[in-house]
Amino acid sequence: MNTAGAHTIEDQIRRMTPVAAPPEQQAQVAALSKALEGMVHPPKRRAPKCQLVGPKGESIALPESVFYVLERVAEVLARGDSITVVPVGREVTTQQAADLLNVSRQYLVRLLDEGRMAFRKTGKHRRLRIEDVLEFKEKRDKDRRAGLRELSQLTQELGGYDSELKR
């Protein structure tokens, strides 16, 4: 494994920026996701007694809560999506919030100035609660989906795209 790359991924996780599995690891992540999913048997859905084995062979029991988080992380990465691990109750900087929302920092600051998201100031710096950022993201995504449904419905009512092609 490339140690320079490992530091980069570790730094990304610590900075709370989205992380995706590198292309050369995609097959391993998919296999891990499938294996973790296969370890859980419905209807009990209890995590098996798992151990984490370190590079020198040392092992430690893997708590059920960590197992389920690992299962979800592997599932998301196996789909080719990125993931961000964020502690609940944490405050984030405007840059971290912008990264989570996939917008520029300047755009985020404009949203804050317009009162569209709660924040507090510490000196010259703004801090946002992660829950507020995620709530804003959820509402924004919901509004976008509703807008797309409305646009699709309007397109259907006006004859769809086929009428444009016939001209």
N, C-alpha and C. Protein backbone atom coordinates (compact mmCIF):
# COMPACT_ATOMS: atom_id res chain seq x y z
N MET A 1 0.84 -1.19 0.00
CA MET A 1 0.00 0.00 0.00
C MET A 1 0.88 1.25 0.00
N ASN A 2 0.50 2.22 -0.73
CA ASN A 2 1.25 3.46 -0.83
C ASN A 2 1.04 4.29 0.44
N THR A 3 2.10 4.49 1.22
CA THR A 3 1.96 5.22 2.48
C THR A 3 1.66 6.69 2.26
N ALA A 4 2.17 7.26 1.17
CA ALA A 4 1.85 8.66 0.89
C ALA A 4 0.36 8.81 0.65
N GLY A 5 -0.25 7.86 -0.09
CA GLY A 5 -1.68 7.88 -0.35
C GLY A 5 -2.48 7.67 0.92
N ALA A 6 -1.96 6.81 1.81
CA ALA A 6 -2.66 6.54 3.07
C ALA A 6 -2.73 7.80 3.91
N HIS A 7 -1.63 8.56 3.93
CA HIS A 7 -1.63 9.81 4.68
C HIS A 7 -2.64 10.79 4.08
N THR A 8 -2.73 10.82 2.77
CA THR A 8 -3.67 11.71 2.11
C THR A 8 -5.10 11.35 2.50
N ILE A 9 -5.45 10.08 2.45
CA ILE A 9 -6.81 9.65 2.82
C ILE A 9 -7.05 9.93 4.30
N GLU A 10 -6.08 9.64 5.14
CA GLU A 10 -6.22 9.93 6.58
C GLU A 10 -6.43 11.43 6.81
N ASP A 11 -5.67 12.25 6.09
CA ASP A 11 -5.83 13.70 6.22
C ASP A 11 -7.22 14.14 5.76
N GLN A 12 -7.71 13.55 4.67
CA GLN A 12 -9.05 13.88 4.18
C GLN A 12 -10.10 13.53 5.23
N ILE A 13 -9.97 12.38 5.85
CA ILE A 13 -10.93 11.96 6.87
C ILE A 13 -10.88 12.90 8.06
N ARG A 14 -9.69 13.26 8.49
CA ARG A 14 -9.54 14.17 9.63
C ARG A 14 -10.09 15.56 9.32
N ARG A 15 -9.96 15.99 8.05
CA ARG A 15 -10.48 17.31 7.65
C ARG A 15 -11.97 17.24 7.32
N MET A 16 -12.55 16.04 7.39
CA MET A 16 -13.96 15.80 7.10
C MET A 16 -14.31 16.12 5.66
N THR A 17 -13.40 15.83 4.74
CA THR A 17 -13.72 15.99 3.33
C THR A 17 -14.10 14.62 2.78
N PRO A 18 -14.96 14.56 1.77
CA PRO A 18 -15.40 13.27 1.23
C PRO A 18 -14.24 12.43 0.74
N VAL A 19 -14.33 11.13 0.99
CA VAL A 19 -13.31 10.18 0.58
C VAL A 19 -13.96 9.10 -0.26
N ALA A 20 -13.33 8.77 -1.38
CA ALA A 20 -13.79 7.68 -2.24
C ALA A 20 -12.67 6.64 -2.31
N ALA A 21 -13.04 5.41 -2.59
CA ALA A 21 -12.03 4.36 -2.75
C ALA A 21 -11.29 4.61 -4.06
N PRO A 22 -9.97 4.59 -4.03
CA PRO A 22 -9.21 4.75 -5.28
C PRO A 22 -9.56 3.61 -6.25
N PRO A 23 -9.48 3.85 -7.54
CA PRO A 23 -9.87 2.82 -8.53
C PRO A 23 -9.18 1.47 -8.30
N GLU A 24 -7.92 1.50 -7.90
CA GLU A 24 -7.20 0.23 -7.70
C GLU A 24 -7.68 -0.54 -6.47
N GLN A 25 -8.46 0.10 -5.59
CA GLN A 25 -9.00 -0.57 -4.40
C GLN A 25 -10.48 -0.91 -4.53
N GLN A 26 -11.11 -0.51 -5.63
CA GLN A 26 -12.55 -0.67 -5.80
C GLN A 26 -12.99 -2.13 -5.69
N ALA A 27 -12.26 -3.04 -6.29
CA ALA A 27 -12.63 -4.46 -6.23
C ALA A 27 -12.53 -4.99 -4.80
N GLN A 28 -11.50 -4.59 -4.06
CA GLN A 28 -11.34 -5.02 -2.67
C GLN A 28 -12.48 -4.49 -1.80
N VAL A 29 -12.87 -3.24 -2.02
CA VAL A 29 -13.95 -2.63 -1.25
C VAL A 29 -15.26 -3.35 -1.54
N ALA A 30 -15.50 -3.65 -2.80
CA ALA A 30 -16.72 -4.37 -3.18
C ALA A 30 -16.76 -5.75 -2.52
N ALA A 31 -15.63 -6.44 -2.49
CA ALA A 31 -15.56 -7.76 -1.85
C ALA A 31 -15.79 -7.64 -0.35
N LEU A 32 -15.22 -6.61 0.27
CA LEU A 32 -15.42 -6.39 1.71
C LEU A 32 -16.89 -6.11 2.00
N SER A 33 -17.51 -5.26 1.20
CA SER A 33 -18.91 -4.93 1.39
C SER A 33 -19.79 -6.18 1.31
N LYS A 34 -19.53 -7.00 0.31
CA LYS A 34 -20.30 -8.23 0.14
C LYS A 34 -20.08 -9.19 1.32
N ALA A 35 -18.84 -9.28 1.78
CA ALA A 35 -18.53 -10.16 2.91
C ALA A 35 -19.20 -9.68 4.20
N LEU A 36 -19.15 -8.37 4.45
CA LEU A 36 -19.78 -7.83 5.66
C LEU A 36 -21.29 -8.02 5.61
N GLU A 37 -21.88 -7.79 4.44
CA GLU A 37 -23.32 -7.97 4.29
C GLU A 37 -23.70 -9.43 4.52
N GLY A 38 -22.86 -10.34 4.06
CA GLY A 38 -23.13 -11.77 4.22
C GLY A 38 -22.98 -12.25 5.65
N MET A 39 -22.30 -11.49 6.49
CA MET A 39 -22.12 -11.90 7.89
C MET A 39 -23.36 -11.67 8.74
N VAL A 40 -24.25 -10.82 8.27
CA VAL A 40 -25.45 -10.49 9.03
C VAL A 40 -26.60 -11.33 8.49
N HIS A 41 -27.23 -12.09 9.38
CA HIS A 41 -28.30 -12.98 8.96
C HIS A 41 -29.64 -12.50 9.49
N PRO A 42 -30.58 -12.12 8.59
CA PRO A 42 -31.92 -11.77 9.06
C PRO A 42 -32.59 -13.01 9.64
N PRO A 43 -33.61 -12.93 10.48
CA PRO A 43 -34.24 -11.70 10.91
C PRO A 43 -33.59 -11.09 12.15
N LYS A 44 -32.65 -11.81 12.81
CA LYS A 44 -32.06 -11.27 14.04
C LYS A 44 -31.24 -10.02 13.75
N ARG A 45 -30.51 -10.03 12.66
CA ARG A 45 -29.66 -8.91 12.24
C ARG A 45 -28.71 -8.49 13.36
N ARG A 46 -28.09 -9.45 13.97
CA ARG A 46 -27.07 -9.18 15.00
C ARG A 46 -25.70 -9.32 14.35
N ALA A 47 -24.83 -8.43 14.71
CA ALA A 47 -23.47 -8.50 14.17
C ALA A 47 -22.76 -9.71 14.74
N PRO A 48 -22.01 -10.39 13.89
CA PRO A 48 -21.23 -11.52 14.40
C PRO A 48 -20.10 -11.01 15.29
N LYS A 49 -19.54 -11.91 16.05
CA LYS A 49 -18.39 -11.52 16.88
C LYS A 49 -17.19 -11.43 15.94
N CYS A 50 -16.77 -10.21 15.70
CA CYS A 50 -15.68 -9.96 14.76
C CYS A 50 -14.47 -9.40 15.50
N GLN A 51 -13.34 -9.57 14.85
CA GLN A 51 -12.10 -9.02 15.38
C GLN A 51 -11.40 -8.25 14.29
N LEU A 52 -10.73 -7.21 14.70
CA LEU A 52 -9.91 -6.44 13.80
C LEU A 52 -8.47 -6.92 14.01
N VAL A 53 -7.81 -7.29 12.92
CA VAL A 53 -6.44 -7.78 13.00
C VAL A 53 -5.51 -6.73 12.42
N GLY A 54 -4.54 -6.31 13.21
CA GLY A 54 -3.60 -5.28 12.80
C GLY A 54 -2.49 -5.82 11.92
N PRO A 55 -1.64 -4.95 11.42
CA PRO A 55 -0.57 -5.36 10.51
C PRO A 55 0.46 -6.30 11.14
N LYS A 56 0.57 -6.29 12.47
CA LYS A 56 1.53 -7.18 13.14
C LYS A 56 0.85 -8.42 13.71
N GLY A 57 -0.43 -8.64 13.35
CA GLY A 57 -1.15 -9.82 13.81
C GLY A 57 -1.91 -9.62 15.11
N GLU A 58 -1.79 -8.45 15.73
CA GLU A 58 -2.53 -8.18 16.97
C GLU A 58 -4.02 -8.07 16.64
N SER A 59 -4.88 -8.51 17.55
CA SER A 59 -6.32 -8.43 17.26
C SER A 59 -7.07 -7.84 18.44
N ILE A 60 -8.21 -7.25 18.12
CA ILE A 60 -9.07 -6.64 19.13
C ILE A 60 -10.51 -6.89 18.69
N ALA A 61 -11.38 -7.12 19.65
CA ALA A 61 -12.79 -7.35 19.34
C ALA A 61 -13.39 -6.10 18.70
N LEU A 62 -14.23 -6.31 17.70
CA LEU A 62 -14.89 -5.22 17.00
C LEU A 62 -16.30 -5.07 17.56
N PRO A 63 -16.59 -3.96 18.25
CA PRO A 63 -17.93 -3.77 18.82
C PRO A 63 -19.00 -3.74 17.74
N GLU A 64 -20.22 -4.14 18.10
CA GLU A 64 -21.33 -4.20 17.15
C GLU A 64 -21.56 -2.86 16.45
N SER A 65 -21.49 -1.76 17.20
CA SER A 65 -21.73 -0.44 16.60
C SER A 65 -20.68 -0.14 15.53
N VAL A 66 -19.45 -0.50 15.76
CA VAL A 66 -18.39 -0.26 14.78
C VAL A 66 -18.58 -1.16 13.57
N PHE A 67 -19.02 -2.39 13.81
CA PHE A 67 -19.28 -3.32 12.72
C PHE A 67 -20.29 -2.72 11.74
N TYR A 68 -21.42 -2.19 12.28
CA TYR A 68 -22.46 -1.65 11.42
C TYR A 68 -22.00 -0.39 10.69
N VAL A 69 -21.19 0.42 11.34
CA VAL A 69 -20.64 1.60 10.66
C VAL A 69 -19.71 1.15 9.53
N LEU A 70 -18.86 0.18 9.81
CA LEU A 70 -17.95 -0.35 8.79
C LEU A 70 -18.73 -0.96 7.63
N GLU A 71 -19.80 -1.68 7.95
CA GLU A 71 -20.63 -2.28 6.90
C GLU A 71 -21.20 -1.19 5.99
N ARG A 72 -21.69 -0.12 6.58
CA ARG A 72 -22.29 0.98 5.80
C ARG A 72 -21.24 1.71 4.97
N VAL A 73 -20.07 1.97 5.56
CA VAL A 73 -18.98 2.64 4.84
C VAL A 73 -18.58 1.81 3.62
N ALA A 74 -18.39 0.51 3.82
CA ALA A 74 -17.99 -0.37 2.71
C ALA A 74 -19.07 -0.39 1.62
N GLU A 75 -20.34 -0.41 2.02
CA GLU A 75 -21.45 -0.40 1.06
C GLU A 75 -21.42 0.86 0.19
N VAL A 76 -21.23 2.01 0.83
CA VAL A 76 -21.21 3.28 0.10
C VAL A 76 -20.00 3.35 -0.83
N LEU A 77 -18.83 2.99 -0.33
CA LEU A 77 -17.62 3.03 -1.15
C LEU A 77 -17.69 2.03 -2.31
N ALA A 78 -18.31 0.87 -2.08
CA ALA A 78 -18.43 -0.15 -3.12
C ALA A 78 -19.28 0.36 -4.28
N ARG A 79 -20.24 1.24 -4.01
CA ARG A 79 -21.07 1.83 -5.07
C ARG A 79 -20.30 2.87 -5.87
N GLY A 80 -19.12 3.23 -5.38
CA GLY A 80 -18.32 4.24 -6.06
C GLY A 80 -18.59 5.64 -5.52
N ASP A 81 -19.40 5.73 -4.47
CA ASP A 81 -19.70 7.03 -3.87
C ASP A 81 -18.62 7.41 -2.86
N SER A 82 -18.59 8.68 -2.52
CA SER A 82 -17.68 9.18 -1.49
C SER A 82 -18.41 9.20 -0.16
N ILE A 83 -17.65 9.22 0.91
CA ILE A 83 -18.24 9.25 2.25
C ILE A 83 -17.45 10.20 3.13
N THR A 84 -18.15 10.81 4.08
CA THR A 84 -17.52 11.69 5.05
C THR A 84 -17.93 11.23 6.43
N VAL A 85 -16.98 11.10 7.33
CA VAL A 85 -17.26 10.74 8.71
C VAL A 85 -17.22 12.02 9.52
N VAL A 86 -18.36 12.34 10.15
CA VAL A 86 -18.47 13.59 10.90
C VAL A 86 -19.04 13.30 12.28
N PRO A 87 -18.34 13.67 13.34
CA PRO A 87 -18.89 13.48 14.68
C PRO A 87 -20.11 14.36 14.91
N VAL A 88 -21.18 13.80 15.44
CA VAL A 88 -22.39 14.56 15.73
C VAL A 88 -22.09 15.51 16.89
N GLY A 89 -22.67 16.70 16.85
CA GLY A 89 -22.42 17.69 17.89
C GLY A 89 -21.20 18.54 17.62
N ARG A 90 -20.56 18.30 16.54
CA ARG A 90 -19.33 19.00 16.18
C ARG A 90 -19.64 20.29 15.43
N GLU A 91 -18.87 21.31 15.67
CA GLU A 91 -18.96 22.52 14.87
C GLU A 91 -17.92 22.44 13.76
N VAL A 92 -18.28 22.98 12.61
CA VAL A 92 -17.38 22.94 11.46
C VAL A 92 -17.11 24.35 10.97
N THR A 93 -16.03 24.49 10.24
CA THR A 93 -15.67 25.77 9.63
C THR A 93 -16.53 25.98 8.39
N THR A 94 -16.50 27.19 7.86
CA THR A 94 -17.26 27.45 6.64
C THR A 94 -16.71 26.62 5.48
N GLN A 95 -15.41 26.38 5.44
CA GLN A 95 -14.83 25.57 4.36
C GLN A 95 -15.28 24.11 4.49
N GLN A 96 -15.28 23.57 5.71
CA GLN A 96 -15.74 22.20 5.91
C GLN A 96 -17.22 22.06 5.53
N ALA A 97 -18.04 23.04 5.94
CA ALA A 97 -19.46 23.01 5.61
C ALA A 97 -19.66 23.10 4.10
N ALA A 98 -18.89 23.98 3.45
CA ALA A 98 -18.99 24.12 1.99
C ALA A 98 -18.61 22.81 1.31
N ASP A 99 -17.58 22.13 1.80
CA ASP A 99 -17.18 20.84 1.23
C ASP A 99 -18.29 19.81 1.39
N LEU A 100 -18.92 19.78 2.56
CA LEU A 100 -20.01 18.83 2.80
C LEU A 100 -21.20 19.10 1.88
N LEU A 101 -21.46 20.37 1.59
CA LEU A 101 -22.58 20.75 0.74
C LEU A 101 -22.21 20.76 -0.74
N ASN A 102 -20.93 20.59 -1.02
CA ASN A 102 -20.42 20.62 -2.39
C ASN A 102 -20.71 21.98 -3.06
N VAL A 103 -20.44 23.04 -2.32
CA VAL A 103 -20.58 24.40 -2.83
C VAL A 103 -19.29 25.16 -2.50
N SER A 104 -19.15 26.33 -3.09
CA SER A 104 -17.96 27.13 -2.77
C SER A 104 -18.14 27.77 -1.39
N ARG A 105 -17.03 28.10 -0.76
CA ARG A 105 -17.08 28.76 0.55
C ARG A 105 -17.78 30.11 0.43
N GLN A 106 -17.50 30.83 -0.66
CA GLN A 106 -18.12 32.14 -0.86
C GLN A 106 -19.64 32.02 -0.95
N TYR A 107 -20.12 31.02 -1.65
CA TYR A 107 -21.57 30.80 -1.77
C TYR A 107 -22.16 30.48 -0.40
N LEU A 108 -21.47 29.66 0.37
CA LEU A 108 -21.95 29.30 1.71
C LEU A 108 -22.03 30.56 2.59
N VAL A 109 -21.02 31.40 2.54
CA VAL A 109 -21.01 32.63 3.34
C VAL A 109 -22.21 33.50 2.94
N ARG A 110 -22.52 33.55 1.66
CA ARG A 110 -23.69 34.32 1.20
C ARG A 110 -24.97 33.74 1.81
N LEU A 111 -25.09 32.41 1.84
CA LEU A 111 -26.25 31.76 2.47
C LEU A 111 -26.35 32.14 3.94
N LEU A 112 -25.22 32.18 4.62
CA LEU A 112 -25.20 32.54 6.03
C LEU A 112 -25.62 33.99 6.22
N ASP A 113 -25.09 34.86 5.38
CA ASP A 113 -25.43 36.29 5.46
C ASP A 113 -26.91 36.53 5.17
N GLU A 114 -27.52 35.68 4.34
CA GLU A 114 -28.95 35.79 4.02
C GLU A 114 -29.82 35.16 5.12
N GLY A 115 -29.19 34.56 6.13
CA GLY A 115 -29.94 33.96 7.22
C GLY A 115 -30.55 32.62 6.89
N ARG A 116 -30.04 31.94 5.87
CA ARG A 116 -30.62 30.66 5.45
C ARG A 116 -30.09 29.48 6.24
N MET A 117 -29.07 29.74 7.06
CA MET A 117 -28.50 28.68 7.89
C MET A 117 -27.94 29.32 9.17
N ALA A 118 -28.14 28.63 10.29
CA ALA A 118 -27.66 29.15 11.58
C ALA A 118 -26.14 29.00 11.68
N PHE A 119 -25.52 29.94 12.37
CA PHE A 119 -24.08 29.87 12.65
C PHE A 119 -23.79 30.76 13.84
N ARG A 120 -22.57 30.63 14.36
CA ARG A 120 -22.14 31.54 15.41
C ARG A 120 -20.76 32.05 15.03
N LYS A 121 -20.45 33.21 15.54
CA LYS A 121 -19.15 33.80 15.25
C LYS A 121 -18.22 33.62 16.42
N THR A 122 -16.98 33.26 16.12
CA THR A 122 -15.92 33.23 17.13
C THR A 122 -14.85 34.19 16.61
N GLY A 123 -14.91 35.39 17.11
CA GLY A 123 -14.02 36.42 16.57
C GLY A 123 -14.47 36.76 15.17
N LYS A 124 -13.57 36.61 14.20
CA LYS A 124 -13.90 36.88 12.80
C LYS A 124 -14.43 35.64 12.08
N HIS A 125 -14.36 34.49 12.72
CA HIS A 125 -14.70 33.23 12.07
C HIS A 125 -16.12 32.78 12.36
N ARG A 126 -16.74 32.17 11.37
CA ARG A 126 -18.07 31.60 11.54
C ARG A 126 -17.93 30.11 11.81
N ARG A 127 -18.77 29.59 12.69
CA ARG A 127 -18.81 28.15 12.99
C ARG A 127 -20.25 27.68 12.84
N LEU A 128 -20.42 26.51 12.24
CA LEU A 128 -21.74 25.94 12.02
C LEU A 128 -21.83 24.60 12.72
N ARG A 129 -23.00 24.32 13.29
CA ARG A 129 -23.21 22.99 13.87
C ARG A 129 -23.43 22.01 12.73
N ILE A 130 -22.81 20.87 12.82
CA ILE A 130 -22.91 19.88 11.76
C ILE A 130 -24.37 19.49 11.51
N GLU A 131 -25.16 19.43 12.59
CA GLU A 131 -26.58 19.08 12.43
C GLU A 131 -27.31 20.10 11.56
N ASP A 132 -26.97 21.38 11.72
CA ASP A 132 -27.60 22.43 10.91
C ASP A 132 -27.20 22.31 9.44
N VAL A 133 -25.94 21.98 9.20
CA VAL A 133 -25.46 21.82 7.83
C VAL A 133 -26.17 20.63 7.17
N LEU A 134 -26.25 19.51 7.89
CA LEU A 134 -26.89 18.32 7.33
C LEU A 134 -28.40 18.53 7.13
N GLU A 135 -29.02 19.26 8.04
CA GLU A 135 -30.46 19.57 7.90
C GLU A 135 -30.68 20.44 6.66
N PHE A 136 -29.82 21.44 6.46
CA PHE A 136 -29.92 22.30 5.28
C PHE A 136 -29.76 21.47 4.01
N LYS A 137 -28.77 20.56 4.02
CA LYS A 137 -28.51 19.72 2.85
C LYS A 137 -29.72 18.85 2.54
N GLU A 138 -30.31 18.26 3.57
CA GLU A 138 -31.48 17.40 3.37
C GLU A 138 -32.64 18.19 2.78
N LYS A 139 -32.89 19.40 3.32
CA LYS A 139 -33.99 20.23 2.81
C LYS A 139 -33.70 20.67 1.38
N ARG A 140 -32.47 21.06 1.12
CA ARG A 140 -32.09 21.49 -0.23
C ARG A 140 -32.29 20.36 -1.23
N ASP A 141 -31.86 19.14 -0.85
CA ASP A 141 -32.00 17.99 -1.74
C ASP A 141 -33.48 17.65 -1.96
N LYS A 142 -34.28 17.75 -0.90
CA LYS A 142 -35.71 17.48 -1.01
C LYS A 142 -36.37 18.51 -1.95
N ASP A 143 -36.02 19.78 -1.79
CA ASP A 143 -36.57 20.83 -2.65
C ASP A 143 -36.15 20.62 -4.10
N ARG A 144 -34.92 20.20 -4.32
CA ARG A 144 -34.45 19.94 -5.69
C ARG A 144 -35.23 18.81 -6.33
N ARG A 145 -35.44 17.72 -5.57
CA ARG A 145 -36.21 16.59 -6.11
C ARG A 145 -37.64 17.01 -6.44
N ALA A 146 -38.24 17.82 -5.57
CA ALA A 146 -39.61 18.30 -5.82
C ALA A 146 -39.63 19.16 -7.09
N GLY A 147 -38.65 20.01 -7.26
CA GLY A 147 -38.56 20.85 -8.46
C GLY A 147 -38.40 20.01 -9.72
N LEU A 148 -37.59 18.97 -9.65
CA LEU A 148 -37.40 18.10 -10.81
C LEU A 148 -38.68 17.34 -11.15
N ARG A 149 -39.41 16.88 -10.10
CA ARG A 149 -40.69 16.20 -10.35
C ARG A 149 -41.67 17.15 -11.03
N GLU A 150 -41.72 18.39 -10.54
CA GLU A 150 -42.62 19.39 -11.11
C GLU A 150 -42.25 19.68 -12.56
N LEU A 151 -40.97 19.81 -12.83
CA LEU A 151 -40.51 20.07 -14.19
C LEU A 151 -40.84 18.89 -15.10
N SER A 152 -40.64 17.67 -14.62
CA SER A 152 -40.97 16.48 -15.41
C SER A 152 -42.46 16.43 -15.71
N GLN A 153 -43.27 16.73 -14.71
CA GLN A 153 -44.72 16.72 -14.89
C GLN A 153 -45.14 17.77 -15.92
N LEU A 154 -44.57 18.95 -15.82
CA LEU A 154 -44.87 20.01 -16.78
C LEU A 154 -44.48 19.60 -18.19
N THR A 155 -43.34 18.97 -18.32
CA THR A 155 -42.86 18.50 -19.62
C THR A 155 -43.84 17.49 -20.20
N GLN A 156 -44.33 16.57 -19.35
CA GLN A 156 -45.30 15.57 -19.80
C GLN A 156 -46.59 16.26 -20.27
N GLU A 157 -47.06 17.23 -19.48
CA GLU A 157 -48.31 17.93 -19.80
C GLU A 157 -48.21 18.71 -21.12
N LEU A 158 -47.03 19.19 -21.42
CA LEU A 158 -46.83 19.96 -22.65
C LEU A 158 -46.43 19.09 -23.84
N GLY A 159 -46.52 17.79 -23.68
CA GLY A 159 -46.23 16.90 -24.81
C GLY A 159 -44.87 16.26 -24.77
N GLY A 160 -44.11 16.53 -23.76
CA GLY A 160 -42.81 15.87 -23.61
C GLY A 160 -41.81 16.32 -24.64
N TYR A 161 -40.72 15.59 -24.71
CA TYR A 161 -39.63 15.93 -25.63
C TYR A 161 -39.93 15.47 -27.04
N ASP A 162 -40.80 14.47 -27.21
CA ASP A 162 -41.10 13.95 -28.53
C ASP A 162 -41.65 15.02 -29.46
N SER A 163 -42.49 15.93 -28.93
CA SER A 163 -43.07 16.98 -29.77
C SER A 163 -41.98 17.91 -30.32
N GLU A 164 -40.92 18.11 -29.57
CA GLU A 164 -39.82 18.95 -30.04
C GLU A 164 -39.05 18.26 -31.18
N LEU A 165 -38.94 16.94 -31.10
CA LEU A 165 -38.19 16.20 -32.10
C LEU A 165 -38.91 16.14 -33.44
N LYS A 166 -40.24 16.25 -33.43
CA LYS A 166 -41.03 16.14 -34.64
C LYS A 166 -40.99 17.40 -35.50
N ARG A 167 -40.57 18.50 -34.94
CA ARG A 167 -40.55 19.77 -35.68
C ARG A 167 -39.53 19.81 -36.76
